[in-house]
Amino acid sequence: MIPKIAIAGTIITLVAQAAWAQVDLNKASEIELDGLKGFGPAMTRQVMQERQKTPFRDWPDVMQRIKGVGPKKAASLSEQGVRVQGQAYGQAPMPRPKNPESPH
């Protein structure tokens, strides 16, 4: 028989892991978006509609297209594991490789 404390510990661990899972705004399901602190049904619908038009390029693109997402909200979402093109808010995108044939 498994002790109740072991079961509780396992459940807490699974919930904690789920809370730190990364969610990309371009791929997240409606349920994943609704589960984010600071996201409501209206913002979820707006994200879903906007990304159907064109995927989000980066956080500034999200802040421009989604009403209610500014620097504070973007930082909060990023702390929850939300990413745009794999990038956390405030994280610089990967530099493009230099083309050796092009002039500086």
N, C-alpha and C. Protein backbone atom coordinates (compact mmCIF):
# COMPACT_ATOMS: atom_id res chain seq x y z
N MET A 1 0.84 -1.18 0.00
CA MET A 1 0.00 0.00 0.00
C MET A 1 0.89 1.25 0.00
N ILE A 2 0.55 2.20 -0.84
CA ILE A 2 1.34 3.44 -0.97
C ILE A 2 0.85 4.44 0.09
N PRO A 3 1.80 5.01 0.85
CA PRO A 3 1.40 5.99 1.85
C PRO A 3 0.78 7.23 1.20
N LYS A 4 -0.19 7.84 1.89
CA LYS A 4 -0.87 9.02 1.36
C LYS A 4 0.10 10.16 1.12
N ILE A 5 1.12 10.28 1.95
CA ILE A 5 2.09 11.37 1.80
C ILE A 5 2.85 11.23 0.47
N ALA A 6 3.13 10.00 0.05
CA ALA A 6 3.83 9.78 -1.22
C ALA A 6 2.93 10.17 -2.39
N ILE A 7 1.66 9.84 -2.30
CA ILE A 7 0.71 10.21 -3.36
C ILE A 7 0.58 11.72 -3.44
N ALA A 8 0.46 12.37 -2.29
CA ALA A 8 0.34 13.83 -2.27
C ALA A 8 1.59 14.48 -2.85
N GLY A 9 2.75 13.96 -2.52
CA GLY A 9 4.00 14.50 -3.05
C GLY A 9 4.08 14.37 -4.56
N THR A 10 3.64 13.23 -5.07
CA THR A 10 3.63 13.01 -6.52
C THR A 10 2.69 13.98 -7.21
N ILE A 11 1.53 14.19 -6.65
CA ILE A 11 0.55 15.12 -7.24
C ILE A 11 1.11 16.53 -7.25
N ILE A 12 1.71 16.95 -6.15
CA ILE A 12 2.28 18.30 -6.06
C ILE A 12 3.39 18.47 -7.11
N THR A 13 4.22 17.46 -7.28
CA THR A 13 5.30 17.52 -8.26
C THR A 13 4.74 17.65 -9.68
N LEU A 14 3.71 16.86 -10.00
CA LEU A 14 3.12 16.93 -11.34
C LEU A 14 2.49 18.29 -11.61
N VAL A 15 1.81 18.84 -10.63
CA VAL A 15 1.19 20.16 -10.79
C VAL A 15 2.27 21.22 -10.97
N ALA A 16 3.34 21.14 -10.21
CA ALA A 16 4.43 22.12 -10.33
C ALA A 16 5.08 22.04 -11.70
N GLN A 17 5.28 20.82 -12.20
CA GLN A 17 5.88 20.67 -13.52
C GLN A 17 4.98 21.25 -14.60
N ALA A 18 3.68 21.03 -14.48
CA ALA A 18 2.73 21.57 -15.45
C ALA A 18 2.73 23.09 -15.42
N ALA A 19 2.87 23.67 -14.23
CA ALA A 19 2.85 25.12 -14.09
C ALA A 19 4.07 25.76 -14.76
N TRP A 20 5.19 25.03 -14.84
CA TRP A 20 6.40 25.59 -15.43
C TRP A 20 6.61 25.17 -16.87
N ALA A 21 5.63 24.50 -17.44
CA ALA A 21 5.75 24.09 -18.83
C ALA A 21 5.74 25.31 -19.74
N GLN A 22 6.54 25.26 -20.77
CA GLN A 22 6.56 26.38 -21.71
C GLN A 22 5.38 26.28 -22.67
N VAL A 23 4.80 27.44 -22.94
CA VAL A 23 3.65 27.54 -23.83
C VAL A 23 3.98 28.59 -24.89
N ASP A 24 3.95 28.20 -26.15
CA ASP A 24 4.21 29.16 -27.22
C ASP A 24 2.88 29.75 -27.68
N LEU A 25 2.80 31.08 -27.73
CA LEU A 25 1.55 31.74 -28.12
C LEU A 25 1.08 31.33 -29.51
N ASN A 26 1.99 30.93 -30.37
CA ASN A 26 1.62 30.54 -31.72
C ASN A 26 1.08 29.11 -31.79
N LYS A 27 1.24 28.34 -30.72
CA LYS A 27 0.85 26.93 -30.76
C LYS A 27 -0.10 26.52 -29.63
N ALA A 28 -0.24 27.35 -28.61
CA ALA A 28 -1.02 26.99 -27.43
C ALA A 28 -2.49 26.75 -27.76
N SER A 29 -3.07 25.78 -27.06
CA SER A 29 -4.50 25.52 -27.22
C SER A 29 -5.30 26.56 -26.44
N GLU A 30 -6.57 26.60 -26.73
CA GLU A 30 -7.47 27.52 -26.01
C GLU A 30 -7.45 27.22 -24.51
N ILE A 31 -7.42 25.97 -24.15
CA ILE A 31 -7.39 25.58 -22.73
C ILE A 31 -6.08 26.04 -22.08
N GLU A 32 -4.96 25.88 -22.78
CA GLU A 32 -3.67 26.33 -22.22
C GLU A 32 -3.67 27.84 -22.01
N LEU A 33 -4.20 28.58 -22.98
CA LEU A 33 -4.23 30.04 -22.84
C LEU A 33 -5.16 30.47 -21.71
N ASP A 34 -6.34 29.86 -21.63
CA ASP A 34 -7.28 30.20 -20.55
C ASP A 34 -6.72 29.90 -19.17
N GLY A 35 -5.79 28.95 -19.10
CA GLY A 35 -5.20 28.58 -17.82
C GLY A 35 -4.12 29.52 -17.33
N LEU A 36 -3.75 30.48 -18.14
CA LEU A 36 -2.69 31.42 -17.75
C LEU A 36 -3.25 32.50 -16.85
N LYS A 37 -2.51 32.84 -15.82
CA LYS A 37 -2.89 33.94 -14.93
C LYS A 37 -2.81 35.23 -15.74
N GLY A 38 -3.90 36.00 -15.71
CA GLY A 38 -3.93 37.25 -16.45
C GLY A 38 -4.57 37.12 -17.82
N PHE A 39 -4.92 35.90 -18.20
CA PHE A 39 -5.59 35.66 -19.48
C PHE A 39 -7.04 35.34 -19.20
N GLY A 40 -7.93 35.94 -19.94
CA GLY A 40 -9.34 35.62 -19.84
C GLY A 40 -9.84 35.15 -21.19
N PRO A 41 -11.10 34.80 -21.27
CA PRO A 41 -11.66 34.33 -22.54
C PRO A 41 -11.51 35.33 -23.69
N ALA A 42 -11.68 36.61 -23.40
CA ALA A 42 -11.58 37.62 -24.47
C ALA A 42 -10.16 37.69 -25.02
N MET A 43 -9.15 37.67 -24.15
CA MET A 43 -7.77 37.74 -24.61
C MET A 43 -7.40 36.45 -25.35
N THR A 44 -7.89 35.33 -24.86
CA THR A 44 -7.64 34.05 -25.53
C THR A 44 -8.19 34.09 -26.95
N ARG A 45 -9.42 34.56 -27.11
CA ARG A 45 -10.02 34.66 -28.45
C ARG A 45 -9.20 35.58 -29.35
N GLN A 46 -8.77 36.69 -28.79
CA GLN A 46 -8.00 37.65 -29.57
C GLN A 46 -6.68 37.03 -30.05
N VAL A 47 -5.99 36.32 -29.16
CA VAL A 47 -4.73 35.66 -29.54
C VAL A 47 -4.99 34.63 -30.64
N MET A 48 -6.03 33.82 -30.45
CA MET A 48 -6.35 32.78 -31.43
C MET A 48 -6.66 33.40 -32.81
N GLN A 49 -7.41 34.49 -32.81
CA GLN A 49 -7.78 35.15 -34.08
C GLN A 49 -6.56 35.78 -34.75
N GLU A 50 -5.75 36.47 -33.97
CA GLU A 50 -4.59 37.16 -34.54
C GLU A 50 -3.56 36.20 -35.10
N ARG A 51 -3.33 35.11 -34.39
CA ARG A 51 -2.30 34.18 -34.88
C ARG A 51 -2.78 33.41 -36.11
N GLN A 52 -4.11 33.33 -36.32
CA GLN A 52 -4.61 32.72 -37.55
C GLN A 52 -4.28 33.60 -38.75
N LYS A 53 -4.33 34.92 -38.54
CA LYS A 53 -3.98 35.85 -39.62
C LYS A 53 -2.52 35.68 -39.99
N THR A 54 -1.67 35.74 -38.98
CA THR A 54 -0.22 35.64 -39.14
C THR A 54 0.37 35.27 -37.79
N PRO A 55 1.28 34.30 -37.73
CA PRO A 55 1.90 33.97 -36.44
C PRO A 55 2.63 35.18 -35.86
N PHE A 56 2.69 35.21 -34.54
CA PHE A 56 3.42 36.29 -33.87
C PHE A 56 4.90 36.13 -34.14
N ARG A 57 5.57 37.23 -34.49
CA ARG A 57 7.00 37.21 -34.78
C ARG A 57 7.83 37.27 -33.50
N ASP A 58 7.38 38.12 -32.57
CA ASP A 58 8.14 38.36 -31.35
C ASP A 58 7.23 39.06 -30.34
N TRP A 59 7.77 39.36 -29.17
CA TRP A 59 6.95 40.00 -28.14
C TRP A 59 6.45 41.39 -28.55
N PRO A 60 7.27 42.23 -29.19
CA PRO A 60 6.73 43.52 -29.63
C PRO A 60 5.53 43.36 -30.57
N ASP A 61 5.56 42.34 -31.42
CA ASP A 61 4.45 42.06 -32.31
C ASP A 61 3.20 41.69 -31.50
N VAL A 62 3.36 40.88 -30.47
CA VAL A 62 2.24 40.52 -29.59
C VAL A 62 1.68 41.76 -28.94
N MET A 63 2.55 42.61 -28.39
CA MET A 63 2.11 43.81 -27.67
C MET A 63 1.40 44.79 -28.60
N GLN A 64 1.77 44.80 -29.85
CA GLN A 64 1.13 45.68 -30.82
C GLN A 64 -0.25 45.16 -31.22
N ARG A 65 -0.39 43.85 -31.33
CA ARG A 65 -1.62 43.26 -31.87
C ARG A 65 -2.64 42.83 -30.82
N ILE A 66 -2.21 42.61 -29.57
CA ILE A 66 -3.13 42.12 -28.54
C ILE A 66 -3.38 43.22 -27.51
N LYS A 67 -4.62 43.70 -27.48
CA LYS A 67 -5.01 44.74 -26.54
C LYS A 67 -4.85 44.21 -25.11
N GLY A 68 -4.19 45.00 -24.28
CA GLY A 68 -4.01 44.61 -22.88
C GLY A 68 -2.68 43.95 -22.59
N VAL A 69 -1.88 43.69 -23.62
CA VAL A 69 -0.55 43.12 -23.39
C VAL A 69 0.48 44.22 -23.60
N GLY A 70 1.05 44.63 -22.49
CA GLY A 70 2.14 45.60 -22.49
C GLY A 70 3.34 44.97 -21.82
N PRO A 71 4.35 45.76 -21.49
CA PRO A 71 5.56 45.21 -20.89
C PRO A 71 5.31 44.42 -19.59
N LYS A 72 4.45 44.93 -18.70
CA LYS A 72 4.19 44.23 -17.43
C LYS A 72 3.50 42.89 -17.67
N LYS A 73 2.48 42.89 -18.52
CA LYS A 73 1.75 41.65 -18.81
C LYS A 73 2.67 40.67 -19.53
N ALA A 74 3.47 41.16 -20.48
CA ALA A 74 4.40 40.29 -21.20
C ALA A 74 5.40 39.66 -20.24
N ALA A 75 5.91 40.44 -19.30
CA ALA A 75 6.86 39.91 -18.31
C ALA A 75 6.19 38.85 -17.44
N SER A 76 4.96 39.13 -17.00
CA SER A 76 4.22 38.17 -16.18
C SER A 76 3.96 36.87 -16.93
N LEU A 77 3.54 36.98 -18.18
CA LEU A 77 3.28 35.79 -18.98
C LEU A 77 4.57 35.00 -19.21
N SER A 78 5.64 35.72 -19.47
CA SER A 78 6.93 35.08 -19.70
C SER A 78 7.38 34.32 -18.46
N GLU A 79 7.14 34.89 -17.28
CA GLU A 79 7.50 34.21 -16.02
C GLU A 79 6.70 32.92 -15.85
N GLN A 80 5.52 32.86 -16.46
CA GLN A 80 4.68 31.66 -16.40
C GLN A 80 5.09 30.62 -17.44
N GLY A 81 6.06 30.95 -18.26
CA GLY A 81 6.54 30.01 -19.27
C GLY A 81 6.06 30.29 -20.68
N VAL A 82 5.37 31.43 -20.87
CA VAL A 82 4.88 31.76 -22.21
C VAL A 82 6.05 32.24 -23.07
N ARG A 83 6.09 31.74 -24.29
CA ARG A 83 7.14 32.10 -25.23
C ARG A 83 6.53 32.52 -26.56
N VAL A 84 7.28 33.32 -27.30
CA VAL A 84 6.91 33.68 -28.67
C VAL A 84 8.12 33.31 -29.53
N GLN A 85 7.91 32.40 -30.46
CA GLN A 85 9.00 31.89 -31.29
C GLN A 85 10.15 31.37 -30.41
N GLY A 86 9.80 30.77 -29.28
CA GLY A 86 10.80 30.19 -28.38
C GLY A 86 11.47 31.18 -27.45
N GLN A 87 11.09 32.46 -27.54
CA GLN A 87 11.76 33.51 -26.77
C GLN A 87 10.91 33.99 -25.60
N ALA A 88 11.54 34.14 -24.46
CA ALA A 88 10.90 34.77 -23.31
C ALA A 88 10.88 36.28 -23.54
N TYR A 89 10.00 36.99 -22.86
CA TYR A 89 9.96 38.45 -22.99
C TYR A 89 11.27 39.03 -22.48
N GLY A 90 11.83 39.94 -23.24
CA GLY A 90 13.08 40.59 -22.85
C GLY A 90 14.31 39.82 -23.28
N GLN A 91 14.12 38.62 -23.80
CA GLN A 91 15.24 37.82 -24.28
C GLN A 91 15.47 38.17 -25.74
N ALA A 92 16.68 38.51 -26.06
CA ALA A 92 17.00 38.89 -27.44
C ALA A 92 16.86 37.69 -28.36
N PRO A 93 16.29 37.90 -29.55
CA PRO A 93 16.22 36.79 -30.51
C PRO A 93 17.61 36.36 -30.95
N MET A 94 17.70 35.13 -31.40
CA MET A 94 18.98 34.62 -31.88
C MET A 94 19.41 35.43 -33.10
N PRO A 95 20.68 35.83 -33.14
CA PRO A 95 21.15 36.59 -34.31
C PRO A 95 21.14 35.72 -35.55
N ARG A 96 20.86 36.37 -36.67
CA ARG A 96 20.87 35.65 -37.94
C ARG A 96 22.31 35.38 -38.32
N PRO A 97 22.58 34.22 -38.91
CA PRO A 97 23.95 33.96 -39.36
C PRO A 97 24.35 34.95 -40.45
N LYS A 98 25.58 35.37 -40.41
CA LYS A 98 26.08 36.31 -41.41
C LYS A 98 26.27 35.59 -42.73
N ASN A 99 25.93 36.29 -43.79
CA ASN A 99 26.13 35.75 -45.12
C ASN A 99 27.54 36.14 -45.55
N PRO A 100 28.42 35.17 -45.72
CA PRO A 100 29.81 35.50 -46.05
C PRO A 100 29.98 36.21 -47.39
N GLU A 101 28.98 36.11 -48.27
CA GLU A 101 29.08 36.74 -49.59
C GLU A 101 28.63 38.19 -49.58
N SER A 102 27.88 38.61 -48.55
CA SER A 102 27.38 39.99 -48.56
C SER A 102 28.39 40.93 -47.93
N PRO A 103 28.43 42.17 -48.40
CA PRO A 103 29.33 43.16 -47.79
C PRO A 103 28.82 43.55 -46.42
N HIS A 104 29.69 44.05 -45.58
CA HIS A 104 29.34 44.44 -44.21
C HIS A 104 28.30 45.47 -44.28
